[in-house]
Amino acid sequence: MKSIKYILAAFAMFTASTLFAQTIEDKGITYRILSASDKTAAVVKCTDEIEGDVVIPANVGEGYVVTTIADSAFLKCSGITTITIGSNVKEVGRHIVDHCFAMTDFKVDDNNRNFSTWKGILSNKDQSTLICCPPGKVGTLTIPETILSLAPAAFSTCKKLAEISISDNVKVIPEETFKGCWGLKQVHFPTQLEKIAYQAFANTILQKLFLPKSLRVIEDEAFAHNSITEVNVFDPQNPPTLGKDVFGVETKVMRLYVPNNAAIQVYRRAPRWNEFNVIMVQYDAAKYTKRFEAKEIGTEQGK
């Protein structure tokens, strides 16, 4: 029995020392060693005390190269105002600054070959993919035409944004892109949009949706936990495929507006679209179609 206890105690000590050896603490940030042979490390956590301007160094500890910022690395670090991406960072996870409501800007080291910023928002080097928006951004934002794609959870918990216009070159809004944007009232969708993914707009305060004719798929819970009162569609013959609880659980009390009388029957027969109790023709379909073609339509606060 004593030998077993000794072995267990030794194993516990070995495990603790191994775990300790796998992390590095520096200036309120915890780094995990990714490879001892390659001497690479990832940012994995911050302390509650960290605040102000945070700089991710090129190296940490005994020459470990900081190549990665892991998922949720700075989650709820409420005192941070800016983060500078270090010169050696190659990968950035999801939700890295969720609930960091004082944070307004990303910066990138001049020697970094992988990332850049646009208005303080993190993107890849050629600014074709928008990666992460600081949750402290306020008001209205127009995503430029140079942006071709959005990263999953790119705007997660940006609760101070009220209105978003998305580049017409974006064809997919990935999962959780705008989840937790609690102040979001208006979204101007891309005219070429094909897919809205899982929980892309969950937990916002959108009320009226104007979905583009190009849209083909809306995944589960894409607009769950919102304040939606009506949904407008523009394809009279091909309803987008709907996942489960796309508009939350209150579909029966929402209004669905379609382009013409023939479309009413099309949508009444379409799976899950037929859950709308009220389906009617848009009172001024020509007006909406014209505005949509002019790239001005998204969600509105009134007609």
Protein backbone atom coordinates (compact mmCIF):
# COMPACT_ATOMS: atom_id res chain seq x y z
CA MET A 1 0.00 0.00 0.00
CA LYS A 2 2.82 2.40 0.88
CA SER A 3 4.47 1.77 -2.47
CA ILE A 4 1.20 2.58 -4.27
CA LYS A 5 0.81 5.83 -2.31
CA TYR A 6 4.41 6.71 -3.12
CA ILE A 7 3.85 6.08 -6.82
CA LEU A 8 0.65 8.17 -6.84
CA ALA A 9 2.35 11.00 -4.98
CA ALA A 10 5.30 10.92 -7.35
CA PHE A 11 2.94 10.91 -10.35
CA ALA A 12 1.08 13.91 -8.96
CA MET A 13 4.30 15.82 -8.44
CA PHE A 14 5.46 14.91 -11.94
CA THR A 15 2.15 16.01 -13.48
CA ALA A 16 2.16 19.32 -11.61
CA SER A 17 5.76 20.05 -12.58
CA THR A 18 5.04 19.10 -16.20
CA LEU A 19 2.01 21.40 -16.36
CA PHE A 20 4.03 24.18 -14.78
CA ALA A 21 6.79 23.66 -17.31
CA GLN A 22 4.28 23.89 -20.14
CA THR A 23 3.23 27.46 -19.33
CA ILE A 24 5.00 30.79 -19.03
CA GLU A 25 3.65 33.77 -17.08
CA ASP A 26 4.67 37.24 -18.19
CA LYS A 27 3.12 40.67 -17.52
CA GLY A 28 -0.33 39.30 -16.71
CA ILE A 29 -0.46 36.93 -19.70
CA THR A 30 -0.21 33.15 -19.64
CA TYR A 31 1.51 31.44 -22.56
CA ARG A 32 1.34 27.73 -23.31
CA ILE A 33 4.35 26.05 -24.85
CA LEU A 34 3.26 24.53 -28.15
CA SER A 35 6.52 22.86 -29.07
CA ALA A 36 9.62 22.54 -26.92
CA SER A 37 11.71 21.54 -29.93
CA ASP A 38 10.50 24.39 -32.15
CA LYS A 39 10.33 26.75 -29.18
CA THR A 40 6.87 28.08 -30.00
CA ALA A 41 4.19 29.36 -27.62
CA ALA A 42 0.57 30.54 -27.64
CA VAL A 43 -1.28 33.22 -25.68
CA VAL A 44 -3.96 31.35 -23.71
CA LYS A 45 -5.12 33.56 -20.84
CA CYS A 46 -4.86 36.95 -19.17
CA THR A 47 -5.32 38.02 -15.56
CA ASP A 48 -8.10 40.31 -14.38
CA GLU A 49 -5.53 42.94 -13.47
CA ILE A 50 -4.21 43.44 -16.99
CA GLU A 51 -5.32 46.77 -18.49
CA GLY A 52 -4.54 49.49 -21.00
CA ASP A 53 -2.40 48.81 -24.08
CA VAL A 54 -1.33 45.18 -24.35
CA VAL A 55 1.56 44.18 -26.60
CA ILE A 56 2.05 40.57 -27.67
CA PRO A 57 5.84 40.12 -27.77
CA ALA A 58 7.79 38.41 -30.52
CA ASN A 59 9.31 36.07 -27.95
CA VAL A 60 8.62 35.11 -24.35
CA GLY A 61 10.48 33.24 -21.63
CA GLU A 62 13.71 31.64 -22.81
CA GLY A 63 13.31 32.49 -26.46
CA TYR A 64 9.91 30.94 -27.15
CA VAL A 65 8.40 32.43 -30.33
CA VAL A 66 4.79 33.59 -29.82
CA THR A 67 2.99 32.26 -32.91
CA THR A 68 -0.61 31.88 -31.76
CA ILE A 69 -3.42 33.58 -29.87
CA ALA A 70 -5.72 30.80 -28.67
CA ASP A 71 -9.53 30.81 -28.50
CA SER A 72 -10.88 33.13 -25.77
CA ALA A 73 -7.36 34.19 -24.79
CA PHE A 74 -8.44 37.62 -23.52
CA LEU A 75 -12.02 36.71 -22.59
CA LYS A 76 -13.52 39.25 -20.14
CA CYS A 77 -10.24 41.16 -19.72
CA SER A 78 -12.30 44.27 -19.12
CA GLY A 79 -9.42 46.70 -18.60
CA ILE A 80 -7.78 46.23 -22.00
CA THR A 81 -8.06 49.15 -24.44
CA THR A 82 -5.80 48.02 -27.32
CA ILE A 83 -3.90 44.87 -28.32
CA THR A 84 -0.84 44.92 -30.56
CA ILE A 85 -0.34 41.68 -32.48
CA GLY A 86 3.33 40.66 -32.27
CA SER A 87 5.62 40.20 -35.23
CA ASN A 88 5.62 36.39 -35.07
CA VAL A 89 1.88 35.72 -34.61
CA LYS A 90 0.53 33.50 -37.41
CA GLU A 91 -2.75 32.21 -36.01
CA VAL A 92 -5.64 33.83 -34.15
CA GLY A 93 -8.50 31.86 -32.59
CA ARG A 94 -12.15 32.71 -32.06
CA HIS A 95 -13.68 34.86 -29.33
CA ILE A 96 -10.24 36.17 -28.39
CA VAL A 97 -11.54 39.47 -26.98
CA ASP A 98 -15.18 38.67 -26.17
CA HIS A 99 -16.63 40.95 -23.46
CA CYS A 100 -13.60 43.27 -23.56
CA PHE A 101 -15.91 46.28 -23.78
CA ALA A 102 -13.21 48.89 -23.17
CA MET A 103 -11.18 47.65 -26.11
CA THR A 104 -11.45 49.83 -29.22
CA ASP A 105 -8.47 48.94 -31.40
CA PHE A 106 -6.15 46.24 -32.63
CA LYS A 107 -2.68 47.20 -33.75
CA VAL A 108 -0.18 45.05 -35.65
CA ASP A 109 3.60 45.06 -35.41
CA ASP A 110 5.14 46.46 -38.60
CA ASN A 111 7.12 43.25 -39.10
CA ASN A 112 4.12 40.93 -38.97
CA ARG A 113 3.53 39.29 -42.36
CA ASN A 114 0.12 37.79 -41.62
CA PHE A 115 -2.17 40.48 -40.25
CA SER A 116 -3.17 44.10 -40.69
CA THR A 117 -5.89 46.41 -39.39
CA TRP A 118 -8.70 48.47 -40.85
CA LYS A 119 -10.14 51.12 -38.52
CA GLY A 120 -8.66 49.18 -35.62
CA ILE A 121 -10.35 45.94 -36.73
CA LEU A 122 -8.10 42.92 -37.24
CA SER A 123 -7.89 41.44 -40.76
CA ASN A 124 -5.50 39.30 -42.77
CA LYS A 125 -2.59 40.99 -44.49
CA ASP A 126 -4.31 41.85 -47.77
CA GLN A 127 -7.52 42.82 -45.95
CA SER A 128 -9.68 40.33 -47.81
CA THR A 129 -10.84 38.63 -44.59
CA LEU A 130 -12.14 40.49 -41.55
CA ILE A 131 -11.05 38.51 -38.48
CA CYS A 132 -12.00 40.27 -35.26
CA CYS A 133 -13.69 43.52 -34.26
CA PRO A 134 -12.94 44.99 -30.82
CA PRO A 135 -16.11 44.96 -28.66
CA GLY A 136 -15.63 48.62 -27.80
CA LYS A 137 -16.50 49.82 -31.30
CA VAL A 138 -19.52 52.14 -31.26
CA GLY A 139 -22.29 53.15 -33.69
CA THR A 140 -22.41 52.45 -37.42
CA LEU A 141 -19.93 50.43 -39.46
CA THR A 142 -19.69 49.91 -43.22
CA ILE A 143 -17.52 46.94 -44.21
CA PRO A 144 -15.59 47.89 -47.39
CA GLU A 145 -15.84 46.06 -50.72
CA THR A 146 -12.26 44.82 -50.35
CA ILE A 147 -13.52 42.39 -47.69
CA LEU A 148 -14.46 39.07 -49.33
CA SER A 149 -15.12 37.03 -46.19
CA LEU A 150 -15.79 37.27 -42.48
CA ALA A 151 -14.24 34.99 -39.88
CA PRO A 152 -16.59 33.06 -37.55
CA ALA A 153 -17.47 35.13 -34.46
CA ALA A 154 -15.74 38.17 -35.98
CA PHE A 155 -18.11 40.63 -34.24
CA SER A 156 -19.04 38.50 -31.24
CA THR A 157 -20.22 40.62 -28.23
CA CYS A 158 -19.77 43.94 -30.07
CA LYS A 159 -22.76 45.21 -28.12
CA LYS A 160 -22.17 48.90 -28.89
CA LEU A 161 -22.62 48.57 -32.66
CA ALA A 162 -26.08 49.69 -33.80
CA GLU A 163 -25.88 49.32 -37.58
CA ILE A 164 -23.80 47.20 -39.97
CA SER A 165 -23.48 47.37 -43.77
CA ILE A 166 -21.73 44.27 -45.10
CA SER A 167 -19.60 44.27 -48.25
CA ASP A 168 -21.47 43.05 -51.33
CA ASN A 169 -18.58 40.67 -52.03
CA VAL A 170 -19.35 38.62 -48.93
CA LYS A 171 -21.32 35.47 -49.83
CA VAL A 172 -21.38 33.70 -46.46
CA ILE A 173 -21.99 35.03 -42.96
CA PRO A 174 -20.33 32.35 -40.78
CA GLU A 175 -21.43 30.92 -37.47
CA GLU A 176 -21.73 33.31 -34.52
CA THR A 177 -20.44 36.25 -36.58
CA PHE A 178 -22.66 38.82 -34.84
CA LYS A 179 -23.75 36.75 -31.85
CA GLY A 180 -24.18 38.83 -28.72
CA CYS A 181 -24.25 42.19 -30.54
CA TRP A 182 -27.00 43.25 -28.15
CA GLY A 183 -27.35 46.77 -29.54
CA LEU A 184 -27.53 45.77 -33.21
CA LYS A 185 -30.72 47.20 -34.76
CA GLN A 186 -29.97 47.28 -38.48
CA VAL A 187 -28.10 45.03 -40.90
CA HIS A 188 -27.65 45.81 -44.59
CA PHE A 189 -27.08 42.42 -46.19
CA PRO A 190 -24.84 41.80 -49.23
CA THR A 191 -26.77 41.53 -52.49
CA GLN A 192 -24.81 38.36 -53.35
CA LEU A 193 -25.30 36.67 -49.97
CA GLU A 194 -25.87 32.90 -50.25
CA LYS A 195 -25.70 31.56 -46.70
CA ILE A 196 -26.27 32.69 -43.11
CA ALA A 197 -24.74 30.16 -40.71
CA TYR A 198 -25.53 28.87 -37.23
CA GLN A 199 -26.37 31.62 -34.68
CA ALA A 200 -24.85 34.27 -36.95
CA PHE A 201 -27.19 36.95 -35.52
CA ALA A 202 -28.29 35.33 -32.27
CA ASN A 203 -28.83 37.64 -29.29
CA THR A 204 -29.27 40.98 -31.05
CA ILE A 205 -32.24 43.35 -31.20
CA LEU A 206 -33.01 43.11 -34.90
CA GLN A 207 -36.70 43.68 -35.59
CA LYS A 208 -37.24 43.68 -39.36
CA LEU A 209 -35.29 41.54 -41.80
CA PHE A 210 -34.92 42.16 -45.53
CA LEU A 211 -33.25 39.06 -46.95
CA PRO A 212 -31.62 39.26 -50.41
CA LYS A 213 -32.94 37.26 -53.35
CA SER A 214 -29.59 35.47 -53.64
CA LEU A 215 -29.92 33.83 -50.22
CA ARG A 216 -30.15 30.04 -50.41
CA VAL A 217 -29.53 28.67 -46.88
CA ILE A 218 -30.19 29.90 -43.34
CA GLU A 219 -28.87 27.54 -40.68
CA ASP A 220 -30.18 26.66 -37.20
CA GLU A 221 -30.89 29.55 -34.81
CA ALA A 222 -29.36 32.12 -37.14
CA PHE A 223 -31.65 34.86 -35.77
CA ALA A 224 -32.58 33.28 -32.43
CA HIS A 225 -33.17 35.39 -29.32
CA ASN A 226 -34.01 38.58 -31.20
CA SER A 227 -36.95 40.97 -31.33
CA ILE A 228 -37.98 40.16 -34.91
CA THR A 229 -41.51 41.14 -35.89
CA GLU A 230 -41.33 40.66 -39.64
CA VAL A 231 -39.28 38.99 -42.34
CA ASN A 232 -39.18 40.18 -45.96
CA VAL A 233 -38.07 37.88 -48.80
CA PHE A 234 -37.59 38.71 -52.49
CA ASP A 235 -37.44 35.40 -54.33
CA PRO A 236 -41.02 34.47 -55.30
CA GLN A 237 -40.22 30.90 -56.37
CA ASN A 238 -37.25 29.54 -54.39
CA PRO A 239 -37.50 29.97 -50.62
CA PRO A 240 -34.13 29.60 -48.86
CA THR A 241 -33.65 26.33 -47.00
CA LEU A 242 -34.27 26.89 -43.28
CA GLY A 243 -32.66 25.11 -40.36
CA LYS A 244 -34.28 24.71 -36.94
CA ASP A 245 -35.52 27.73 -34.98
CA VAL A 246 -33.98 30.14 -37.48
CA PHE A 247 -36.06 33.07 -36.24
CA GLY A 248 -36.41 31.81 -32.69
CA VAL A 249 -39.52 30.15 -31.32
CA GLU A 250 -42.00 32.97 -32.02
CA THR A 251 -42.44 32.42 -35.77
CA LYS A 252 -46.20 32.13 -35.41
CA VAL A 253 -46.53 35.75 -34.28
CA MET A 254 -44.17 37.18 -36.92
CA ARG A 255 -45.22 38.44 -40.34
CA LEU A 256 -43.68 37.11 -43.53
CA TYR A 257 -43.77 39.46 -46.53
CA VAL A 258 -43.34 38.00 -50.04
CA PRO A 259 -43.10 39.66 -53.49
CA ASN A 260 -46.47 38.70 -54.98
CA ASN A 261 -49.66 36.69 -54.50
CA ALA A 262 -48.28 33.57 -56.20
CA ALA A 263 -45.38 33.56 -53.73
CA ILE A 264 -47.78 33.26 -50.80
CA GLN A 265 -48.65 29.69 -51.80
CA VAL A 266 -45.01 28.87 -52.55
CA TYR A 267 -43.97 29.83 -49.03
CA ARG A 268 -47.01 28.18 -47.44
CA ARG A 269 -45.81 24.89 -48.94
CA ALA A 270 -42.12 25.38 -48.09
CA PRO A 271 -40.75 23.51 -45.04
CA ARG A 272 -40.52 25.73 -41.94
CA TRP A 273 -41.61 28.82 -43.89
CA ASN A 274 -45.10 27.41 -43.50
CA GLU A 275 -44.82 27.96 -39.74
CA PHE A 276 -45.56 31.66 -40.28
CA ASN A 277 -49.24 32.20 -39.51
CA VAL A 278 -49.26 35.48 -41.43
CA ILE A 279 -47.88 35.52 -44.98
CA MET A 280 -48.75 38.50 -47.16
CA VAL A 281 -47.58 40.55 -50.11
CA GLN A 282 -45.26 43.44 -49.41
CA TYR A 283 -47.37 46.54 -49.55
CA ASP A 284 -44.87 48.23 -51.88
CA ALA A 285 -42.81 45.41 -53.37
CA ALA A 286 -41.56 47.56 -56.25
CA LYS A 287 -40.20 50.10 -53.80
CA TYR A 288 -38.38 47.45 -51.79
CA THR A 289 -36.99 45.73 -54.87
CA LYS A 290 -35.68 49.00 -56.25
CA ARG A 291 -34.03 49.88 -52.94
CA PHE A 292 -32.54 46.45 -52.65
CA GLU A 293 -31.02 46.68 -56.11
CA ALA A 294 -29.62 50.05 -55.06
CA LYS A 295 -27.84 48.20 -52.20
CA GLU A 296 -29.59 50.26 -49.55
CA ILE A 297 -31.76 47.64 -47.98
CA GLY A 298 -31.13 45.56 -44.90
CA THR A 299 -33.19 45.88 -41.78
CA GLU A 300 -35.20 48.96 -40.95
CA GLN A 301 -36.95 50.37 -37.94
CA GLY A 302 -40.10 51.24 -39.81
CA LYS A 303 -41.74 51.39 -43.19
